PDB file of N, CA and C in Angstrom:
ATOM      1  N   UNK A   1     137.737 149.999 171.453  1.00  0.00           N
ATOM      2  CA  UNK A   1     137.483 151.273 172.071  1.00  0.00           C
ATOM      3  C   UNK A   1     137.296 152.293 170.951  1.00  0.00           C
ATOM      4  N   UNK A   2     136.288 153.106 171.083  1.00  0.00           N
ATOM      5  CA  UNK A   2     136.048 154.077 170.026  1.00  0.00           C
ATOM      6  C   UNK A   2     136.873 155.348 170.249  1.00  0.00           C
ATOM      7  N   UNK A   3     137.155 156.035 169.162  1.00  0.00           N
ATOM      8  CA  UNK A   3     138.011 157.211 169.217  1.00  0.00           C
ATOM      9  C   UNK A   3     137.401 158.341 170.045  1.00  0.00           C
ATOM     10  N   UNK A   4     136.096 158.409 170.116  1.00  0.00           N
ATOM     11  CA  UNK A   4     135.429 159.438 170.893  1.00  0.00           C
ATOM     12  C   UNK A   4     135.868 159.425 172.358  1.00  0.00           C
ATOM     13  N   UNK A   5     136.294 158.267 172.836  1.00  0.00           N
ATOM     14  CA  UNK A   5     136.732 158.144 174.225  1.00  0.00           C
ATOM     15  C   UNK A   5     137.907 159.075 174.525  1.00  0.00           C
ATOM     16  N   UNK A   6     138.743 159.351 173.542  1.00  0.00           N
ATOM     17  CA  UNK A   6     139.871 160.259 173.757  1.00  0.00           C
ATOM     18  C   UNK A   6     139.379 161.678 174.045  1.00  0.00           C
ATOM     19  N   UNK A   7     138.317 162.091 173.402  1.00  0.00           N
ATOM     20  CA  UNK A   7     137.759 163.429 173.648  1.00  0.00           C
ATOM     21  C   UNK A   7     136.994 163.470 174.974  1.00  0.00           C
ATOM     22  N   UNK A   8     136.317 162.391 175.278  1.00  0.00           N
ATOM     23  CA  UNK A   8     135.509 162.355 176.501  1.00  0.00           C
ATOM     24  C   UNK A   8     136.357 162.265 177.761  1.00  0.00           C
ATOM     25  N   UNK A   9     137.506 161.616 177.652  1.00  0.00           N
ATOM     26  CA  UNK A   9     138.395 161.423 178.794  1.00  0.00           C
ATOM     27  C   UNK A   9     139.801 161.909 178.420  1.00  0.00           C
ATOM     28  N   UNK A  10     139.977 163.221 178.304  1.00  0.00           N
ATOM     29  CA  UNK A  10     141.274 163.756 177.873  1.00  0.00           C
ATOM     30  C   UNK A  10     142.420 163.274 178.764  1.00  0.00           C
ATOM     31  N   UNK A  11     143.484 162.829 178.118  1.00  0.00           N
ATOM     32  CA  UNK A  11     144.677 162.387 178.826  1.00  0.00           C
ATOM     33  C   UNK A  11     144.629 160.965 179.350  1.00  0.00           C
ATOM     34  N   UNK A  12     143.475 160.334 179.316  1.00  0.00           N
ATOM     35  CA  UNK A  12     143.347 158.975 179.850  1.00  0.00           C
ATOM     36  C   UNK A  12     143.939 157.943 178.897  1.00  0.00           C
ATOM     37  N   UNK A  13     143.758 158.161 177.625  1.00  0.00           N
ATOM     38  CA  UNK A  13     144.215 157.213 176.600  1.00  0.00           C
ATOM     39  C   UNK A  13     145.255 157.907 175.733  1.00  0.00           C
ATOM     40  N   UNK A  14     146.356 157.261 175.533  1.00  0.00           N
ATOM     41  CA  UNK A  14     147.397 157.812 174.675  1.00  0.00           C
ATOM     42  C   UNK A  14     147.073 157.469 173.218  1.00  0.00           C
ATOM     43  N   UNK A  15     147.365 158.391 172.285  1.00  0.00           N
ATOM     44  CA  UNK A  15     147.067 158.118 170.866  1.00  0.00           C
ATOM     45  C   UNK A  15     147.663 156.809 170.361  1.00  0.00           C
ATOM     46  N   UNK A  16     148.886 156.488 170.774  1.00  0.00           N
ATOM     47  CA  UNK A  16     149.493 155.235 170.301  1.00  0.00           C
ATOM     48  C   UNK A  16     148.745 154.016 170.834  1.00  0.00           C
ATOM     49  N   UNK A  17     148.134 154.133 172.000  1.00  0.00           N
ATOM     50  CA  UNK A  17     147.319 153.031 172.529  1.00  0.00           C
ATOM     51  C   UNK A  17     146.011 152.928 171.752  1.00  0.00           C
ATOM     52  N   UNK A  18     145.379 154.053 171.495  1.00  0.00           N
ATOM     53  CA  UNK A  18     144.114 154.069 170.763  1.00  0.00           C
ATOM     54  C   UNK A  18     144.282 153.469 169.369  1.00  0.00           C
ATOM     55  N   UNK A  19     145.370 153.800 168.715  1.00  0.00           N
ATOM     56  CA  UNK A  19     145.558 153.398 167.323  1.00  0.00           C
ATOM     57  C   UNK A  19     146.415 152.144 167.160  1.00  0.00           C
ATOM     58  N   UNK A  20     146.664 151.430 168.247  1.00  0.00           N
ATOM     59  CA  UNK A  20     147.443 150.195 168.146  1.00  0.00           C
ATOM     60  C   UNK A  20     146.641 149.130 167.399  1.00  0.00           C
ATOM     61  N   UNK A  21     147.332 148.231 166.751  1.00  0.00           N
ATOM     62  CA  UNK A  21     146.653 147.163 166.009  1.00  0.00           C
ATOM     63  C   UNK A  21     145.721 146.361 166.908  1.00  0.00           C
ATOM     64  N   UNK A  22     146.094 146.206 168.145  1.00  0.00           N
ATOM     65  CA  UNK A  22     145.273 145.445 169.094  1.00  0.00           C
ATOM     66  C   UNK A  22     143.900 146.086 169.291  1.00  0.00           C
ATOM     67  N   UNK A  23     143.802 147.396 169.147  1.00  0.00           N
ATOM     68  CA  UNK A  23     142.550 148.103 169.399  1.00  0.00           C
ATOM     69  C   UNK A  23     141.744 148.418 168.147  1.00  0.00           C
ATOM     70  N   UNK A  24     142.292 148.184 166.973  1.00  0.00           N
ATOM     71  CA  UNK A  24     141.577 148.538 165.749  1.00  0.00           C
ATOM     72  C   UNK A  24     140.576 147.457 165.354  1.00  0.00           C
ATOM     73  N   UNK A  25     139.393 147.898 164.922  1.00  0.00           N
ATOM     74  CA  UNK A  25     138.348 146.992 164.441  1.00  0.00           C
ATOM     75  C   UNK A  25     137.740 147.604 163.190  1.00  0.00           C
ATOM     76  N   UNK A  26     137.481 146.783 162.215  1.00  0.00           N
ATOM     77  CA  UNK A  26     136.773 147.227 161.030  1.00  0.00           C
ATOM     78  C   UNK A  26     135.335 146.750 161.084  1.00  0.00           C
ATOM     79  N   UNK A  27     134.425 147.613 160.688  1.00  0.00           N
ATOM     80  CA  UNK A  27     133.007 147.245 160.658  1.00  0.00           C
ATOM     81  C   UNK A  27     132.594 147.137 159.192  1.00  0.00           C
ATOM     82  N   UNK A  28     132.243 145.932 158.742  1.00  0.00           N
ATOM     83  CA  UNK A  28     131.839 145.761 157.344  1.00  0.00           C
ATOM     84  C   UNK A  28     130.646 146.658 156.999  1.00  0.00           C
ATOM     85  N   UNK A  29     130.616 147.120 155.765  1.00  0.00           N
ATOM     86  CA  UNK A  29     129.565 148.026 155.295  1.00  0.00           C
ATOM     87  C   UNK A  29     128.175 147.486 155.603  1.00  0.00           C
ATOM     88  N   UNK A  30     127.956 146.206 155.382  1.00  0.00           N
ATOM     89  CA  UNK A  30     126.621 145.635 155.583  1.00  0.00           C
ATOM     90  C   UNK A  30     126.192 145.627 157.055  1.00  0.00           C
ATOM     91  N   UNK A  31     127.142 145.740 157.966  1.00  0.00           N
ATOM     92  CA  UNK A  31     126.807 145.748 159.394  1.00  0.00           C
ATOM     93  C   UNK A  31     126.833 147.151 159.989  1.00  0.00           C
ATOM     94  N   UNK A  32     127.254 148.141 159.222  1.00  0.00           N
ATOM     95  CA  UNK A  32     127.481 149.474 159.762  1.00  0.00           C
ATOM     96  C   UNK A  32     126.229 150.102 160.374  1.00  0.00           C
ATOM     97  N   UNK A  33     125.115 150.105 159.667  1.00  0.00           N
ATOM     98  CA  UNK A  33     123.942 150.823 160.191  1.00  0.00           C
ATOM     99  C   UNK A  33     123.347 150.143 161.416  1.00  0.00           C
ATOM    100  N   UNK A  34     123.253 148.826 161.423  1.00  0.00           N
ATOM    101  CA  UNK A  34     122.623 148.161 162.562  1.00  0.00           C
ATOM    102  C   UNK A  34     123.573 147.989 163.741  1.00  0.00           C
ATOM    103  N   UNK A  35     124.864 147.877 163.471  1.00  0.00           N
ATOM    104  CA  UNK A  35     125.820 147.645 164.550  1.00  0.00           C
ATOM    105  C   UNK A  35     126.458 148.953 165.009  1.00  0.00           C
ATOM    106  N   UNK A  36     127.193 149.575 164.133  1.00  0.00           N
ATOM    107  CA  UNK A  36     127.956 150.768 164.502  1.00  0.00           C
ATOM    108  C   UNK A  36     127.057 151.956 164.797  1.00  0.00           C
ATOM    109  N   UNK A  37     126.096 152.224 163.956  1.00  0.00           N
ATOM    110  CA  UNK A  37     125.267 153.409 164.117  1.00  0.00           C
ATOM    111  C   UNK A  37     124.089 153.193 165.054  1.00  0.00           C
ATOM    112  N   UNK A  38     123.926 152.001 165.565  1.00  0.00           N
ATOM    113  CA  UNK A  38     122.798 151.742 166.446  1.00  0.00           C
ATOM    114  C   UNK A  38     123.248 151.072 167.746  1.00  0.00           C
ATOM    115  N   UNK A  39     123.514 149.794 167.696  1.00  0.00           N
ATOM    116  CA  UNK A  39     123.812 149.041 168.927  1.00  0.00           C
ATOM    117  C   UNK A  39     125.039 149.578 169.666  1.00  0.00           C
ATOM    118  N   UNK A  40     126.149 149.681 168.964  1.00  0.00           N
ATOM    119  CA  UNK A  40     127.368 150.150 169.620  1.00  0.00           C
ATOM    120  C   UNK A  40     127.220 151.588 170.115  1.00  0.00           C
ATOM    121  N   UNK A  41     126.587 152.422 169.322  1.00  0.00           N
ATOM    122  CA  UNK A  41     126.413 153.828 169.711  1.00  0.00           C
ATOM    123  C   UNK A  41     125.614 153.937 171.007  1.00  0.00           C
ATOM    124  N   UNK A  42     124.526 153.173 171.108  1.00  0.00           N
ATOM    125  CA  UNK A  42     123.690 153.181 172.314  1.00  0.00           C
ATOM    126  C   UNK A  42     124.492 152.707 173.521  1.00  0.00           C
ATOM    127  N   UNK A  43     125.225 151.622 173.353  1.00  0.00           N
ATOM    128  CA  UNK A  43     126.007 151.064 174.466  1.00  0.00           C
ATOM    129  C   UNK A  43     127.090 152.042 174.927  1.00  0.00           C
ATOM    130  N   UNK A  44     127.810 152.626 173.970  1.00  0.00           N
ATOM    131  CA  UNK A  44     128.854 153.584 174.339  1.00  0.00           C
ATOM    132  C   UNK A  44     128.245 154.815 175.000  1.00  0.00           C
ATOM    133  N   UNK A  45     127.148 155.324 174.483  1.00  0.00           N
ATOM    134  CA  UNK A  45     126.508 156.483 175.103  1.00  0.00           C
ATOM    135  C   UNK A  45     126.073 156.177 176.534  1.00  0.00           C
ATOM    136  N   UNK A  46     125.551 154.982 176.755  1.00  0.00           N
ATOM    137  CA  UNK A  46     125.169 154.575 178.111  1.00  0.00           C
ATOM    138  C   UNK A  46     126.394 154.519 179.024  1.00  0.00           C
ATOM    139  N   UNK A  47     127.491 153.991 178.501  1.00  0.00           N
ATOM    140  CA  UNK A  47     128.721 153.932 179.289  1.00  0.00           C
ATOM    141  C   UNK A  47     129.177 155.338 179.676  1.00  0.00           C
ATOM    142  N   UNK A  48     129.219 156.248 178.700  1.00  0.00           N
ATOM    143  CA  UNK A  48     129.650 157.616 178.984  1.00  0.00           C
ATOM    144  C   UNK A  48     128.760 158.270 180.035  1.00  0.00           C
ATOM    145  N   UNK A  49     127.458 158.043 179.947  1.00  0.00           N
ATOM    146  CA  UNK A  49     126.527 158.631 180.920  1.00  0.00           C
ATOM    147  C   UNK A  49     126.747 158.078 182.325  1.00  0.00           C
ATOM    148  N   UNK A  50     126.993 156.786 182.410  1.00  0.00           N
ATOM    149  CA  UNK A  50     127.146 156.160 183.723  1.00  0.00           C
ATOM    150  C   UNK A  50     128.577 156.225 184.263  1.00  0.00           C
ATOM    151  N   UNK A  51     129.534 156.652 183.435  1.00  0.00           N
ATOM    152  CA  UNK A  51     130.942 156.740 183.851  1.00  0.00           C
ATOM    153  C   UNK A  51     131.545 158.087 183.429  1.00  0.00           C
ATOM    154  N   UNK A  52     131.050 159.181 183.994  1.00  0.00           N
ATOM    155  CA  UNK A  52     131.571 160.487 183.568  1.00  0.00           C
ATOM    156  C   UNK A  52     133.056 160.679 183.899  1.00  0.00           C
ATOM    157  N   UNK A  53     133.572 159.907 184.845  1.00  0.00           N
ATOM    158  CA  UNK A  53     134.987 160.003 185.232  1.00  0.00           C
ATOM    159  C   UNK A  53     135.613 158.608 185.211  1.00  0.00           C
ATOM    160  N   UNK A  54     135.451 157.904 184.113  1.00  0.00           N
ATOM    161  CA  UNK A  54     135.924 156.522 183.996  1.00  0.00           C
ATOM    162  C   UNK A  54     137.435 156.433 184.168  1.00  0.00           C
ATOM    163  N   UNK A  55     137.863 155.306 184.702  1.00  0.00           N
ATOM    164  CA  UNK A  55     139.289 155.005 184.763  1.00  0.00           C
ATOM    165  C   UNK A  55     139.668 154.273 183.479  1.00  0.00           C
ATOM    166  N   UNK A  56     140.954 154.178 183.226  1.00  0.00           N
ATOM    167  CA  UNK A  56     141.418 153.441 182.055  1.00  0.00           C
ATOM    168  C   UNK A  56     140.988 151.982 182.149  1.00  0.00           C
ATOM    169  N   UNK A  57     141.057 151.397 183.328  1.00  0.00           N
ATOM    170  CA  UNK A  57     140.639 150.002 183.493  1.00  0.00           C
ATOM    171  C   UNK A  57     139.155 149.821 183.174  1.00  0.00           C
ATOM    172  N   UNK A  58     138.320 150.748 183.612  1.00  0.00           N
ATOM    173  CA  UNK A  58     136.885 150.658 183.308  1.00  0.00           C
ATOM    174  C   UNK A  58     136.641 150.771 181.811  1.00  0.00           C
ATOM    175  N   UNK A  59     137.362 151.657 181.177  1.00  0.00           N
ATOM    176  CA  UNK A  59     137.211 151.849 179.734  1.00  0.00           C
ATOM    177  C   UNK A  59     137.658 150.613 178.968  1.00  0.00           C
ATOM    178  N   UNK A  60     138.792 150.063 179.329  1.00  0.00           N
ATOM    179  CA  UNK A  60     139.293 148.862 178.656  1.00  0.00           C
ATOM    180  C   UNK A  60     138.382 147.658 178.908  1.00  0.00           C
ATOM    181  N   UNK A  61     137.877 147.563 180.116  1.00  0.00           N
ATOM    182  CA  UNK A  61     136.950 146.472 180.445  1.00  0.00           C
ATOM    183  C   UNK A  61     135.677 146.572 179.608  1.00  0.00           C
ATOM    184  N   UNK A  62     135.152 147.777 179.450  1.00  0.00           N
ATOM    185  CA  UNK A  62     133.945 147.958 178.653  1.00  0.00           C
ATOM    186  C   UNK A  62     134.228 147.644 177.179  1.00  0.00           C
ATOM    187  N   UNK A  63     135.355 148.096 176.665  1.00  0.00           N
ATOM    188  CA  UNK A  63     135.711 147.808 175.274  1.00  0.00           C
ATOM    189  C   UNK A  63     135.826 146.300 175.051  1.00  0.00           C
ATOM    190  N   UNK A  64     136.386 145.588 176.006  1.00  0.00           N
ATOM    191  CA  UNK A  64     136.487 144.132 175.918  1.00  0.00           C
ATOM    192  C   UNK A  64     135.099 143.499 175.927  1.00  0.00           C
ATOM    193  N   UNK A  65     134.216 144.032 176.761  1.00  0.00           N
ATOM    194  CA  UNK A  65     132.832 143.535 176.807  1.00  0.00           C
ATOM    195  C   UNK A  65     132.148 143.737 175.449  1.00  0.00           C
ATOM    196  N   UNK A  66     132.371 144.876 174.823  1.00  0.00           N
ATOM    197  CA  UNK A  66     131.783 145.150 173.505  1.00  0.00           C
ATOM    198  C   UNK A  66     132.342 144.184 172.463  1.00  0.00           C
ATOM    199  N   UNK A  67     133.635 143.873 172.539  1.00  0.00           N
ATOM    200  CA  UNK A  67     134.224 142.887 171.630  1.00  0.00           C
ATOM    201  C   UNK A  67     133.547 141.533 171.788  1.00  0.00           C
ATOM    202  N   UNK A  68     133.351 141.124 173.050  1.00  0.00           N
ATOM    203  CA  UNK A  68     132.713 139.821 173.294  1.00  0.00           C
ATOM    204  C   UNK A  68     131.277 139.807 172.781  1.00  0.00           C
ATOM    205  N   UNK A  69     130.589 140.890 172.984  1.00  0.00           N
ATOM    206  CA  UNK A  69     129.172 140.964 172.642  1.00  0.00           C
ATOM    207  C   UNK A  69     128.934 141.111 171.139  1.00  0.00           C
ATOM    208  N   UNK A  70     129.762 141.910 170.470  1.00  0.00           N
ATOM    209  CA  UNK A  70     129.502 142.257 169.071  1.00  0.00           C
ATOM    210  C   UNK A  70     130.659 141.920 168.137  1.00  0.00           C
ATOM    211  N   UNK A  71     131.627 141.151 168.593  1.00  0.00           N
ATOM    212  CA  UNK A  71     132.849 140.942 167.837  1.00  0.00           C
ATOM    213  C   UNK A  71     132.760 140.092 166.594  1.00  0.00           C
ATOM    214  N   UNK A  72     131.760 139.256 166.455  1.00  0.00           N
ATOM    215  CA  UNK A  72     131.755 138.328 165.316  1.00  0.00           C
ATOM    216  C   UNK A  72     131.680 138.999 163.950  1.00  0.00           C
ATOM    217  N   UNK A  73     130.921 140.099 163.745  1.00  0.00           N
ATOM    218  CA  UNK A  73     130.933 140.689 162.405  1.00  0.00           C
ATOM    219  C   UNK A  73     132.105 141.647 162.167  1.00  0.00           C
ATOM    220  N   UNK A  74     132.901 141.928 163.192  1.00  0.00           N
ATOM    221  CA  UNK A  74     134.008 142.871 163.039  1.00  0.00           C
ATOM    222  C   UNK A  74     135.192 142.227 162.336  1.00  0.00           C
ATOM    223  N   UNK A  75     136.069 143.065 161.828  1.00  0.00           N
ATOM    224  CA  UNK A  75     137.289 142.604 161.168  1.00  0.00           C
ATOM    225  C   UNK A  75     138.474 143.214 161.843  1.00  0.00           C
ATOM    226  N   UNK A  76     139.395 142.423 162.383  1.00  0.00           N
ATOM    227  CA  UNK A  76     139.324 140.965 162.458  1.00  0.00           C
ATOM    228  C   UNK A  76     138.233 140.531 163.428  1.00  0.00           C
ATOM    229  N   UNK A  77     137.691 139.360 163.150  1.00  0.00           N
ATOM    230  CA  UNK A  77     136.624 138.820 163.987  1.00  0.00           C
ATOM    231  C   UNK A  77     137.144 138.591 165.398  1.00  0.00           C
ATOM    232  N   UNK A  78     136.353 138.962 166.377  1.00  0.00           N
ATOM    233  CA  UNK A  78     136.669 138.720 167.774  1.00  0.00           C
ATOM    234  C   UNK A  78     135.763 137.586 168.233  1.00  0.00           C
ATOM    235  N   UNK A  79     136.340 136.397 168.451  1.00  0.00           N
ATOM    236  CA  UNK A  79     135.499 135.242 168.800  1.00  0.00           C
ATOM    237  C   UNK A  79     134.852 135.369 170.167  1.00  0.00           C
TER     238      UNK A  79
END
């Protein structure tokens, strides 16, 4: 889950949940422009547009979907 979600949905996500080890992902430098600045950004923007009043379950489900879809180059790798 990206940190921007806390600003978009105030009060929905607690800081300790956002910053828990379970939710942290590292994006290697070589993957940053094509993954983080392009694919993930587009997907998250689409989610925000289609879910202006998302629930925590919807947000967590989408974050899990992003892990499944793009998790292999992330650190730790999400199989």
